[in-house]
Amino acid sequence: DAAPEYAIVGGLVFVPLSRPWVDLKANDKKTWSLRMSYFGEALSEEGRQLVILSKVLAHPCNVGYHTLSSVVLASFNSAPVRNVAELAMAVARCTSEMLVFEFLRPGGDGKELVMLSRQECHQAEAEILAQHLIAAPCMVREDGVGDPRPLSEQPPPAAPLPAASASDDAGEAATNDAPVGM
C-alpha cells in the first residue's frame, strides 16, 4: 500500500528491489534470476538498496537500450550507488557531458555499460514524463523514511575542479576528465 520509490533518467526507470516489484514481474525470466540471486540477502548497511533498472521508456535519447531491463545498477559515473535517492541526487548534481551507468549482467558474466548524453536526457525529460503520464522524474525517500517525494530541491552542482598552480607548464587550469573514484 506504500507509494513506489523510483527515479527516471533519460527514460531509464530505476527502482529498489522489493517484494511488490518482484511480484509484479513474476513471469519475467530476468526478474526470476534477480530473485534467485539477491532476494533474502542481508544488505551491507542501513539505508542500502539494490537499485534495479526496471525498464526503459523508449525515446531517441536512449536508443539502443530499449530492451535492457531487470538488471542491477553497479555504479553511476564510476561511483557506487547506495539507493534510489542517492542516484537521483547524483544525477541532479552531475555536470559531466555523459551519464554513465554500469550494470551487473545476470549470471555474473561481466558488466553492461549505458552512456547517455546528459543534455539530451534533460531536454527529453518533460516529453518522456508526459508521454507516460508520470508526474515527477523521481519519488524518493531522501532521508530514508516516510513516503517517497520528489527531490525537495535541486542539489547544488558538483564543485568545479581547482585551478592549477602557477608552476604548471601551460599556466592553465588543471583538468581531469577521469570520473571521481578512479
N, C-alpha and C. Protein backbone atom coordinates (compact mmCIF):
# COMPACT_ATOMS: atom_id res chain seq x y z
N ASP A 1 0.80 -1.20 0.00
CA ASP A 1 0.00 0.00 0.00
C ASP A 1 0.84 1.26 0.00
N ALA A 2 2.16 1.13 0.01
CA ALA A 2 3.05 2.29 0.02
C ALA A 2 3.25 2.80 -1.41
N ALA A 3 3.51 4.10 -1.53
CA ALA A 3 3.82 4.68 -2.83
C ALA A 3 5.16 4.14 -3.31
N PRO A 4 5.31 3.93 -4.62
CA PRO A 4 6.56 3.37 -5.12
C PRO A 4 7.69 4.40 -5.10
N GLU A 5 8.88 3.91 -4.91
CA GLU A 5 10.07 4.75 -4.98
C GLU A 5 10.72 4.49 -6.33
N TYR A 6 11.08 5.56 -7.04
CA TYR A 6 11.68 5.40 -8.36
C TYR A 6 12.48 6.64 -8.75
N ALA A 7 13.31 6.47 -9.77
CA ALA A 7 14.00 7.59 -10.41
C ALA A 7 14.01 7.29 -11.90
N ILE A 8 13.67 8.29 -12.70
CA ILE A 8 13.68 8.14 -14.15
C ILE A 8 14.73 9.09 -14.70
N VAL A 9 15.68 8.52 -15.44
CA VAL A 9 16.76 9.31 -16.02
C VAL A 9 16.85 8.96 -17.50
N GLY A 10 16.53 9.91 -18.36
CA GLY A 10 16.59 9.66 -19.79
C GLY A 10 15.73 8.48 -20.20
N GLY A 11 14.63 8.26 -19.52
CA GLY A 11 13.74 7.14 -19.82
C GLY A 11 14.11 5.84 -19.12
N LEU A 12 15.25 5.79 -18.46
CA LEU A 12 15.64 4.61 -17.69
C LEU A 12 14.93 4.67 -16.35
N VAL A 13 14.16 3.64 -16.03
CA VAL A 13 13.36 3.63 -14.80
C VAL A 13 14.07 2.76 -13.76
N PHE A 14 14.50 3.41 -12.68
CA PHE A 14 15.20 2.73 -11.60
C PHE A 14 14.29 2.57 -10.39
N VAL A 15 14.31 1.38 -9.79
CA VAL A 15 13.51 1.09 -8.60
C VAL A 15 14.37 0.25 -7.64
N PRO A 16 14.02 0.25 -6.36
CA PRO A 16 14.71 -0.67 -5.46
C PRO A 16 14.13 -2.07 -5.62
N LEU A 17 14.96 -3.09 -5.46
CA LEU A 17 14.46 -4.46 -5.47
C LEU A 17 13.56 -4.63 -4.26
N SER A 18 12.32 -5.03 -4.50
CA SER A 18 11.34 -5.18 -3.41
C SER A 18 10.38 -6.31 -3.74
N ARG A 19 9.72 -6.81 -2.74
CA ARG A 19 8.74 -7.88 -2.93
C ARG A 19 7.62 -7.44 -3.90
N PRO A 20 7.02 -6.25 -3.75
CA PRO A 20 5.97 -5.85 -4.70
C PRO A 20 6.47 -5.79 -6.15
N TRP A 21 7.68 -5.30 -6.36
CA TRP A 21 8.21 -5.23 -7.73
C TRP A 21 8.44 -6.64 -8.29
N VAL A 22 9.02 -7.53 -7.49
CA VAL A 22 9.26 -8.90 -7.93
C VAL A 22 7.94 -9.60 -8.22
N ASP A 23 6.92 -9.38 -7.37
CA ASP A 23 5.61 -10.00 -7.60
C ASP A 23 4.97 -9.48 -8.89
N LEU A 24 5.15 -8.19 -9.16
CA LEU A 24 4.60 -7.60 -10.38
C LEU A 24 5.25 -8.20 -11.63
N LYS A 25 6.51 -8.53 -11.52
CA LYS A 25 7.28 -9.07 -12.65
C LYS A 25 7.44 -10.59 -12.55
N ALA A 26 6.53 -11.27 -11.89
CA ALA A 26 6.66 -12.70 -11.59
C ALA A 26 6.91 -13.58 -12.81
N ASN A 27 6.39 -13.23 -13.98
CA ASN A 27 6.54 -14.07 -15.17
C ASN A 27 7.75 -13.71 -16.02
N ASP A 28 8.54 -12.76 -15.59
CA ASP A 28 9.71 -12.32 -16.34
C ASP A 28 10.93 -13.16 -15.93
N LYS A 29 11.58 -13.81 -16.88
CA LYS A 29 12.73 -14.68 -16.59
C LYS A 29 13.89 -13.90 -15.98
N LYS A 30 14.10 -12.65 -16.43
CA LYS A 30 15.19 -11.84 -15.88
C LYS A 30 14.93 -11.55 -14.41
N THR A 31 13.69 -11.28 -14.07
CA THR A 31 13.34 -11.00 -12.68
C THR A 31 13.51 -12.24 -11.82
N TRP A 32 13.20 -13.38 -12.37
CA TRP A 32 13.38 -14.64 -11.64
C TRP A 32 14.85 -14.81 -11.28
N SER A 33 15.75 -14.47 -12.21
CA SER A 33 17.18 -14.56 -11.95
C SER A 33 17.58 -13.62 -10.81
N LEU A 34 17.04 -12.40 -10.81
CA LEU A 34 17.31 -11.45 -9.72
C LEU A 34 16.83 -12.00 -8.39
N ARG A 35 15.63 -12.55 -8.43
CA ARG A 35 15.03 -13.09 -7.20
C ARG A 35 15.90 -14.20 -6.62
N MET A 36 16.37 -15.07 -7.48
CA MET A 36 17.20 -16.19 -7.03
C MET A 36 18.57 -15.71 -6.55
N SER A 37 19.10 -14.67 -7.18
CA SER A 37 20.45 -14.19 -6.84
C SER A 37 20.50 -13.29 -5.62
N TYR A 38 19.47 -12.45 -5.43
CA TYR A 38 19.58 -11.40 -4.43
C TYR A 38 18.51 -11.40 -3.35
N PHE A 39 17.35 -11.96 -3.62
CA PHE A 39 16.25 -11.83 -2.67
C PHE A 39 16.56 -12.60 -1.39
N GLY A 40 16.33 -11.97 -0.27
CA GLY A 40 16.55 -12.58 1.02
C GLY A 40 17.94 -12.34 1.59
N GLU A 41 18.86 -11.78 0.79
CA GLU A 41 20.19 -11.49 1.29
C GLU A 41 20.17 -10.23 2.13
N ALA A 42 20.94 -10.22 3.19
CA ALA A 42 21.06 -9.02 4.03
C ALA A 42 21.89 -7.99 3.28
N LEU A 43 21.47 -6.72 3.37
CA LEU A 43 22.23 -5.64 2.74
C LEU A 43 23.33 -5.20 3.68
N SER A 44 24.39 -4.66 3.13
CA SER A 44 25.60 -4.37 3.88
C SER A 44 25.49 -3.24 4.90
N GLU A 45 24.51 -2.35 4.74
CA GLU A 45 24.40 -1.22 5.66
C GLU A 45 22.97 -0.67 5.69
N GLU A 46 22.65 0.06 6.73
CA GLU A 46 21.35 0.70 6.87
C GLU A 46 21.16 1.69 5.72
N GLY A 47 19.98 1.69 5.12
CA GLY A 47 19.69 2.62 4.03
C GLY A 47 20.11 2.13 2.66
N ARG A 48 20.76 0.99 2.60
CA ARG A 48 21.22 0.43 1.33
C ARG A 48 20.06 -0.25 0.63
N GLN A 49 19.98 -0.05 -0.69
CA GLN A 49 19.00 -0.73 -1.54
C GLN A 49 19.74 -1.34 -2.72
N LEU A 50 19.18 -2.39 -3.26
CA LEU A 50 19.66 -2.94 -4.51
C LEU A 50 18.88 -2.19 -5.59
N VAL A 51 19.56 -1.33 -6.34
CA VAL A 51 18.90 -0.49 -7.35
C VAL A 51 18.84 -1.26 -8.66
N ILE A 52 17.63 -1.35 -9.20
CA ILE A 52 17.36 -2.14 -10.40
C ILE A 52 16.92 -1.22 -11.54
N LEU A 53 17.41 -1.48 -12.76
CA LEU A 53 16.84 -0.85 -13.94
C LEU A 53 15.63 -1.70 -14.29
N SER A 54 14.44 -1.17 -14.00
CA SER A 54 13.21 -1.92 -14.21
C SER A 54 12.86 -2.02 -15.69
N LYS A 55 12.95 -0.88 -16.38
CA LYS A 55 12.61 -0.86 -17.81
C LYS A 55 13.15 0.41 -18.41
N VAL A 56 13.08 0.50 -19.74
CA VAL A 56 13.49 1.70 -20.46
C VAL A 56 12.27 2.21 -21.21
N LEU A 57 11.89 3.47 -20.94
CA LEU A 57 10.81 4.12 -21.66
C LEU A 57 11.41 4.66 -22.95
N ALA A 58 11.05 4.05 -24.07
CA ALA A 58 11.70 4.33 -25.35
C ALA A 58 11.62 5.81 -25.73
N HIS A 59 12.75 6.35 -26.14
CA HIS A 59 12.86 7.74 -26.59
C HIS A 59 14.16 7.83 -27.39
N PRO A 60 14.27 8.75 -28.33
CA PRO A 60 15.52 8.88 -29.08
C PRO A 60 16.76 9.11 -28.21
N CYS A 61 16.60 9.66 -27.02
CA CYS A 61 17.77 9.90 -26.16
C CYS A 61 18.35 8.60 -25.60
N ASN A 62 17.60 7.49 -25.67
CA ASN A 62 18.10 6.22 -25.12
C ASN A 62 18.06 5.09 -26.16
N VAL A 63 18.11 5.46 -27.44
CA VAL A 63 18.04 4.45 -28.49
C VAL A 63 19.21 3.47 -28.34
N GLY A 64 18.90 2.21 -28.57
CA GLY A 64 19.89 1.15 -28.43
C GLY A 64 19.81 0.43 -27.10
N TYR A 65 19.08 1.00 -26.16
CA TYR A 65 18.98 0.39 -24.83
C TYR A 65 17.55 -0.05 -24.50
N HIS A 66 16.65 -0.02 -25.45
CA HIS A 66 15.23 -0.26 -25.19
C HIS A 66 14.94 -1.65 -24.65
N THR A 67 15.77 -2.62 -24.93
CA THR A 67 15.49 -3.99 -24.46
C THR A 67 16.13 -4.29 -23.11
N LEU A 68 16.90 -3.37 -22.58
CA LEU A 68 17.56 -3.59 -21.30
C LEU A 68 16.56 -3.47 -20.16
N SER A 69 16.51 -4.45 -19.28
CA SER A 69 15.60 -4.40 -18.13
C SER A 69 16.03 -5.41 -17.07
N SER A 70 15.53 -5.19 -15.87
CA SER A 70 15.75 -6.11 -14.75
C SER A 70 17.23 -6.43 -14.53
N VAL A 71 18.06 -5.38 -14.50
CA VAL A 71 19.48 -5.55 -14.20
C VAL A 71 19.84 -4.66 -13.02
N VAL A 72 20.87 -5.07 -12.27
CA VAL A 72 21.31 -4.37 -11.07
C VAL A 72 22.28 -3.25 -11.45
N LEU A 73 22.03 -2.06 -10.93
CA LEU A 73 22.93 -0.93 -11.14
C LEU A 73 24.15 -1.11 -10.25
N ALA A 74 25.34 -1.14 -10.85
CA ALA A 74 26.58 -1.26 -10.10
C ALA A 74 27.14 0.11 -9.74
N SER A 75 27.07 1.06 -10.70
CA SER A 75 27.62 2.38 -10.43
C SER A 75 27.03 3.41 -11.38
N PHE A 76 27.14 4.68 -10.96
CA PHE A 76 26.78 5.81 -11.81
C PHE A 76 28.01 6.71 -11.87
N ASN A 77 28.47 6.99 -13.07
CA ASN A 77 29.69 7.79 -13.29
C ASN A 77 30.84 7.29 -12.41
N SER A 78 31.00 5.98 -12.40
CA SER A 78 32.08 5.26 -11.69
C SER A 78 31.96 5.25 -10.17
N ALA A 79 30.90 5.81 -9.62
CA ALA A 79 30.72 5.81 -8.16
C ALA A 79 29.62 4.83 -7.79
N PRO A 80 29.84 4.01 -6.76
CA PRO A 80 28.77 3.09 -6.33
C PRO A 80 27.55 3.87 -5.86
N VAL A 81 26.38 3.26 -6.02
CA VAL A 81 25.12 3.89 -5.63
C VAL A 81 24.50 3.08 -4.50
N ARG A 82 24.22 3.74 -3.37
CA ARG A 82 23.67 3.05 -2.20
C ARG A 82 22.17 2.82 -2.30
N ASN A 83 21.44 3.76 -2.93
CA ASN A 83 19.99 3.64 -3.00
C ASN A 83 19.44 4.55 -4.10
N VAL A 84 18.13 4.47 -4.33
CA VAL A 84 17.49 5.23 -5.41
C VAL A 84 17.60 6.73 -5.16
N ALA A 85 17.44 7.16 -3.91
CA ALA A 85 17.55 8.59 -3.60
C ALA A 85 18.94 9.11 -3.92
N GLU A 86 19.96 8.36 -3.56
CA GLU A 86 21.33 8.76 -3.85
C GLU A 86 21.57 8.86 -5.35
N LEU A 87 21.01 7.94 -6.11
CA LEU A 87 21.12 8.00 -7.57
C LEU A 87 20.47 9.28 -8.10
N ALA A 88 19.24 9.58 -7.65
CA ALA A 88 18.54 10.78 -8.12
C ALA A 88 19.33 12.04 -7.80
N MET A 89 19.92 12.10 -6.61
CA MET A 89 20.70 13.28 -6.23
C MET A 89 22.00 13.36 -7.03
N ALA A 90 22.65 12.23 -7.29
CA ALA A 90 23.89 12.22 -8.07
C ALA A 90 23.63 12.68 -9.50
N VAL A 91 22.52 12.24 -10.08
CA VAL A 91 22.17 12.67 -11.44
C VAL A 91 21.87 14.17 -11.45
N ALA A 92 21.14 14.66 -10.46
CA ALA A 92 20.81 16.09 -10.39
C ALA A 92 22.06 16.95 -10.23
N ARG A 93 23.07 16.45 -9.55
CA ARG A 93 24.33 17.20 -9.32
C ARG A 93 25.32 17.06 -10.47
N CYS A 94 25.10 16.10 -11.33
CA CYS A 94 26.07 15.76 -12.37
C CYS A 94 26.31 16.94 -13.32
N THR A 95 27.58 17.20 -13.61
CA THR A 95 27.93 18.25 -14.55
C THR A 95 28.70 17.70 -15.75
N SER A 96 28.99 16.41 -15.76
CA SER A 96 29.72 15.83 -16.89
C SER A 96 28.80 15.73 -18.11
N GLU A 97 29.41 15.65 -19.26
CA GLU A 97 28.66 15.61 -20.52
C GLU A 97 27.84 14.33 -20.67
N MET A 98 28.39 13.22 -20.16
CA MET A 98 27.73 11.93 -20.29
C MET A 98 27.29 11.39 -18.94
N LEU A 99 26.15 10.71 -18.95
CA LEU A 99 25.66 9.96 -17.79
C LEU A 99 26.07 8.51 -18.04
N VAL A 100 26.89 7.96 -17.17
CA VAL A 100 27.42 6.62 -17.39
C VAL A 100 26.91 5.68 -16.30
N PHE A 101 26.13 4.69 -16.72
CA PHE A 101 25.56 3.70 -15.82
C PHE A 101 26.23 2.37 -16.10
N GLU A 102 26.64 1.68 -15.05
CA GLU A 102 27.24 0.37 -15.20
C GLU A 102 26.36 -0.64 -14.48
N PHE A 103 25.94 -1.67 -15.20
CA PHE A 103 25.02 -2.68 -14.67
C PHE A 103 25.71 -4.03 -14.60
N LEU A 104 25.34 -4.82 -13.59
CA LEU A 104 25.81 -6.19 -13.48
C LEU A 104 24.99 -7.06 -14.41
N ARG A 105 25.66 -7.84 -15.22
CA ARG A 105 24.94 -8.76 -16.11
C ARG A 105 24.42 -9.93 -15.29
N PRO A 106 23.24 -10.45 -15.66
CA PRO A 106 22.72 -11.63 -14.95
C PRO A 106 23.71 -12.80 -15.07
N GLY A 107 23.82 -13.55 -14.01
CA GLY A 107 24.73 -14.69 -14.02
C GLY A 107 26.17 -14.31 -13.72
N GLY A 108 26.42 -13.02 -13.49
CA GLY A 108 27.76 -12.58 -13.11
C GLY A 108 28.78 -12.58 -14.22
N ASP A 109 28.35 -12.56 -15.49
CA ASP A 109 29.33 -12.61 -16.59
C ASP A 109 29.67 -11.21 -17.11
N GLY A 110 30.18 -10.36 -16.24
CA GLY A 110 30.63 -9.04 -16.67
C GLY A 110 29.62 -7.94 -16.37
N LYS A 111 29.85 -6.81 -17.02
CA LYS A 111 29.00 -5.64 -16.79
C LYS A 111 28.53 -5.05 -18.11
N GLU A 112 27.42 -4.37 -18.05
CA GLU A 112 26.81 -3.70 -19.20
C GLU A 112 26.95 -2.20 -18.98
N LEU A 113 27.44 -1.48 -19.98
CA LEU A 113 27.66 -0.05 -19.87
C LEU A 113 26.61 0.69 -20.68
N VAL A 114 25.97 1.68 -20.07
CA VAL A 114 25.00 2.53 -20.75
C VAL A 114 25.49 3.97 -20.62
N MET A 115 25.65 4.63 -21.76
CA MET A 115 26.11 6.02 -21.76
C MET A 115 25.06 6.87 -22.47
N LEU A 116 24.58 7.89 -21.76
CA LEU A 116 23.58 8.80 -22.32
C LEU A 116 24.07 10.24 -22.22
N SER A 117 23.69 11.04 -23.19
CA SER A 117 24.03 12.46 -23.15
C SER A 117 23.20 13.14 -22.06
N ARG A 118 23.87 13.80 -21.13
CA ARG A 118 23.15 14.50 -20.05
C ARG A 118 22.23 15.56 -20.63
N GLN A 119 22.70 16.30 -21.61
CA GLN A 119 21.89 17.37 -22.22
C GLN A 119 20.65 16.80 -22.92
N GLU A 120 20.82 15.73 -23.69
CA GLU A 120 19.67 15.11 -24.37
C GLU A 120 18.66 14.57 -23.37
N CYS A 121 19.14 13.96 -22.31
CA CYS A 121 18.24 13.42 -21.28
C CYS A 121 17.45 14.54 -20.62
N HIS A 122 18.14 15.63 -20.30
CA HIS A 122 17.47 16.77 -19.67
C HIS A 122 16.40 17.35 -20.60
N GLN A 123 16.74 17.50 -21.87
CA GLN A 123 15.79 18.04 -22.84
C GLN A 123 14.60 17.11 -23.06
N ALA A 124 14.80 15.80 -22.94
CA ALA A 124 13.75 14.82 -23.20
C ALA A 124 12.86 14.55 -21.99
N GLU A 125 13.28 14.98 -20.80
CA GLU A 125 12.58 14.61 -19.57
C GLU A 125 11.09 14.93 -19.59
N ALA A 126 10.71 16.16 -19.89
CA ALA A 126 9.30 16.56 -19.88
C ALA A 126 8.49 15.73 -20.88
N GLU A 127 9.05 15.49 -22.05
CA GLU A 127 8.35 14.71 -23.08
C GLU A 127 8.13 13.26 -22.63
N ILE A 128 9.17 12.66 -22.06
CA ILE A 128 9.07 11.27 -21.59
C ILE A 128 8.02 11.17 -20.49
N LEU A 129 8.07 12.08 -19.52
CA LEU A 129 7.12 12.04 -18.41
C LEU A 129 5.69 12.25 -18.91
N ALA A 130 5.47 13.21 -19.78
CA ALA A 130 4.13 13.48 -20.30
C ALA A 130 3.61 12.30 -21.12
N GLN A 131 4.47 11.73 -21.93
CA GLN A 131 4.08 10.60 -22.78
C GLN A 131 3.60 9.40 -21.96
N HIS A 132 4.14 9.24 -20.76
CA HIS A 132 3.80 8.09 -19.92
C HIS A 132 2.97 8.48 -18.69
N LEU A 133 2.46 9.72 -18.69
CA LEU A 133 1.60 10.22 -17.61
C LEU A 133 2.25 10.08 -16.24
N ILE A 134 3.50 10.50 -16.15
CA ILE A 134 4.26 10.44 -14.91
C ILE A 134 4.43 11.86 -14.40
N ALA A 135 4.10 12.09 -13.15
CA ALA A 135 4.09 13.45 -12.60
C ALA A 135 5.48 13.99 -12.28
N ALA A 136 6.41 13.15 -11.85
CA ALA A 136 7.71 13.64 -11.41
C ALA A 136 8.81 12.68 -11.88
N PRO A 137 9.99 13.21 -12.14
CA PRO A 137 11.08 12.34 -12.60
C PRO A 137 11.59 11.39 -11.52
N CYS A 138 11.28 11.70 -10.26
CA CYS A 138 11.66 10.77 -9.20
C CYS A 138 10.75 10.95 -8.00
N MET A 139 10.58 9.88 -7.28
CA MET A 139 9.89 9.87 -6.00
C MET A 139 10.79 9.06 -5.09
N VAL A 140 11.43 9.75 -4.14
CA VAL A 140 12.45 9.10 -3.31
C VAL A 140 12.28 9.45 -1.84
N ARG A 141 12.90 8.66 -1.02
CA ARG A 141 12.97 8.92 0.42
C ARG A 141 14.36 9.48 0.70
N GLU A 142 14.50 10.80 0.59
CA GLU A 142 15.81 11.43 0.77
C GLU A 142 16.43 11.12 2.12
N ASP A 143 15.59 11.09 3.15
CA ASP A 143 16.09 10.82 4.50
C ASP A 143 15.95 9.35 4.88
N GLY A 144 15.47 8.53 3.95
CA GLY A 144 15.35 7.10 4.20
C GLY A 144 14.08 6.66 4.89
N VAL A 145 13.20 7.60 5.26
CA VAL A 145 11.95 7.26 5.94
C VAL A 145 10.79 8.00 5.30
N GLY A 146 9.59 7.59 5.68
CA GLY A 146 8.39 8.25 5.19
C GLY A 146 8.02 7.85 3.78
N ASP A 147 7.05 8.56 3.22
CA ASP A 147 6.60 8.29 1.86
C ASP A 147 7.56 8.92 0.85
N PRO A 148 7.74 8.30 -0.29
CA PRO A 148 8.59 8.90 -1.33
C PRO A 148 8.02 10.24 -1.80
N ARG A 149 8.92 11.19 -2.08
CA ARG A 149 8.56 12.51 -2.57
C ARG A 149 9.55 12.92 -3.66
N PRO A 150 9.17 13.88 -4.51
CA PRO A 150 10.17 14.42 -5.45
C PRO A 150 11.32 15.03 -4.65
N LEU A 151 12.48 15.15 -5.26
CA LEU A 151 13.60 15.78 -4.56
C LEU A 151 13.15 17.13 -4.03
N SER A 152 13.49 17.45 -2.78
CA SER A 152 13.00 18.67 -2.15
C SER A 152 13.50 19.92 -2.84
N GLU A 153 14.69 19.87 -3.35
CA GLU A 153 15.24 20.99 -4.12
C GLU A 153 16.37 20.44 -4.96
N GLN A 154 16.72 21.15 -5.99
CA GLN A 154 17.82 20.70 -6.81
C GLN A 154 19.09 20.78 -5.97
N PRO A 155 19.81 19.67 -5.83
CA PRO A 155 21.06 19.72 -5.09
C PRO A 155 22.04 20.64 -5.81
N PRO A 156 22.98 21.25 -5.08
CA PRO A 156 23.96 22.11 -5.73
C PRO A 156 24.82 21.30 -6.68
N PRO A 157 25.25 21.90 -7.80
CA PRO A 157 26.09 21.17 -8.74
C PRO A 157 27.44 20.83 -8.10
N ALA A 158 28.09 19.85 -8.67
CA ALA A 158 29.40 19.46 -8.17
C ALA A 158 30.35 20.64 -8.27
N ALA A 159 31.28 20.71 -7.33
CA ALA A 159 32.25 21.80 -7.32
C ALA A 159 33.16 21.70 -8.54
N PRO A 160 33.54 22.84 -9.13
CA PRO A 160 34.47 22.80 -10.25
C PRO A 160 35.84 22.34 -9.78
N LEU A 161 36.64 21.88 -10.72
CA LEU A 161 37.99 21.45 -10.38
C LEU A 161 38.80 22.67 -9.97
N PRO A 162 39.74 22.50 -9.01
CA PRO A 162 40.55 23.64 -8.57
C PRO A 162 41.47 24.12 -9.69
N ALA A 163 41.80 25.40 -9.67
CA ALA A 163 42.70 25.97 -10.66
C ALA A 163 44.11 25.45 -10.42
N ALA A 164 44.90 25.37 -11.47
CA ALA A 164 46.28 24.88 -11.37
C ALA A 164 47.14 25.96 -10.73
N SER A 165 48.22 25.52 -10.13
CA SER A 165 49.15 26.47 -9.53
C SER A 165 49.98 27.15 -10.61
N ALA A 166 50.66 28.23 -10.28
CA ALA A 166 51.46 28.98 -11.24
C ALA A 166 52.61 28.16 -11.77
N SER A 167 52.97 27.06 -11.10
CA SER A 167 54.10 26.25 -11.55
C SER A 167 53.75 25.30 -12.69
N ASP A 168 52.44 25.22 -13.05
CA ASP A 168 52.06 24.36 -14.18
C ASP A 168 52.70 24.87 -15.46
N ASP A 169 53.13 23.95 -16.33
CA ASP A 169 53.80 24.32 -17.57
C ASP A 169 52.95 25.25 -18.42
N ALA A 170 51.69 24.93 -18.63
CA ALA A 170 50.85 25.72 -19.53
C ALA A 170 50.26 26.92 -18.81
N GLY A 171 50.26 26.91 -17.50
CA GLY A 171 49.70 28.02 -16.76
C GLY A 171 48.18 28.07 -16.84
N GLU A 172 47.57 26.99 -17.28
CA GLU A 172 46.10 26.96 -17.41
C GLU A 172 45.52 26.19 -16.24
N ALA A 173 44.19 26.21 -16.14
CA ALA A 173 43.51 25.46 -15.09
C ALA A 173 43.74 23.97 -15.31
N ALA A 174 43.92 23.25 -14.24
CA ALA A 174 44.10 21.80 -14.31
C ALA A 174 42.80 21.16 -14.71
N THR A 175 42.89 20.18 -15.57
CA THR A 175 41.69 19.45 -15.96
C THR A 175 41.94 17.98 -15.75
N ASN A 176 40.87 17.28 -15.39
CA ASN A 176 40.94 15.85 -15.17
C ASN A 176 39.60 15.29 -15.58
N ASP A 177 39.57 14.64 -16.73
CA ASP A 177 38.32 14.10 -17.24
C ASP A 177 37.96 12.76 -16.64
N ALA A 178 38.83 12.18 -15.83
CA ALA A 178 38.54 10.88 -15.22
C ALA A 178 37.43 11.06 -14.18
N PRO A 179 36.48 10.13 -14.14
CA PRO A 179 35.43 10.21 -13.13
C PRO A 179 36.01 10.11 -11.73
N VAL A 180 35.32 10.69 -10.77
CA VAL A 180 35.74 10.64 -9.38
C VAL A 180 35.81 9.19 -8.95
N GLY A 181 36.82 8.85 -8.19
CA GLY A 181 36.95 7.49 -7.68
C GLY A 181 37.84 6.61 -8.53
N MET A 182 38.38 7.14 -9.60
CA MET A 182 39.25 6.32 -10.46
C MET A 182 40.68 6.56 -10.12
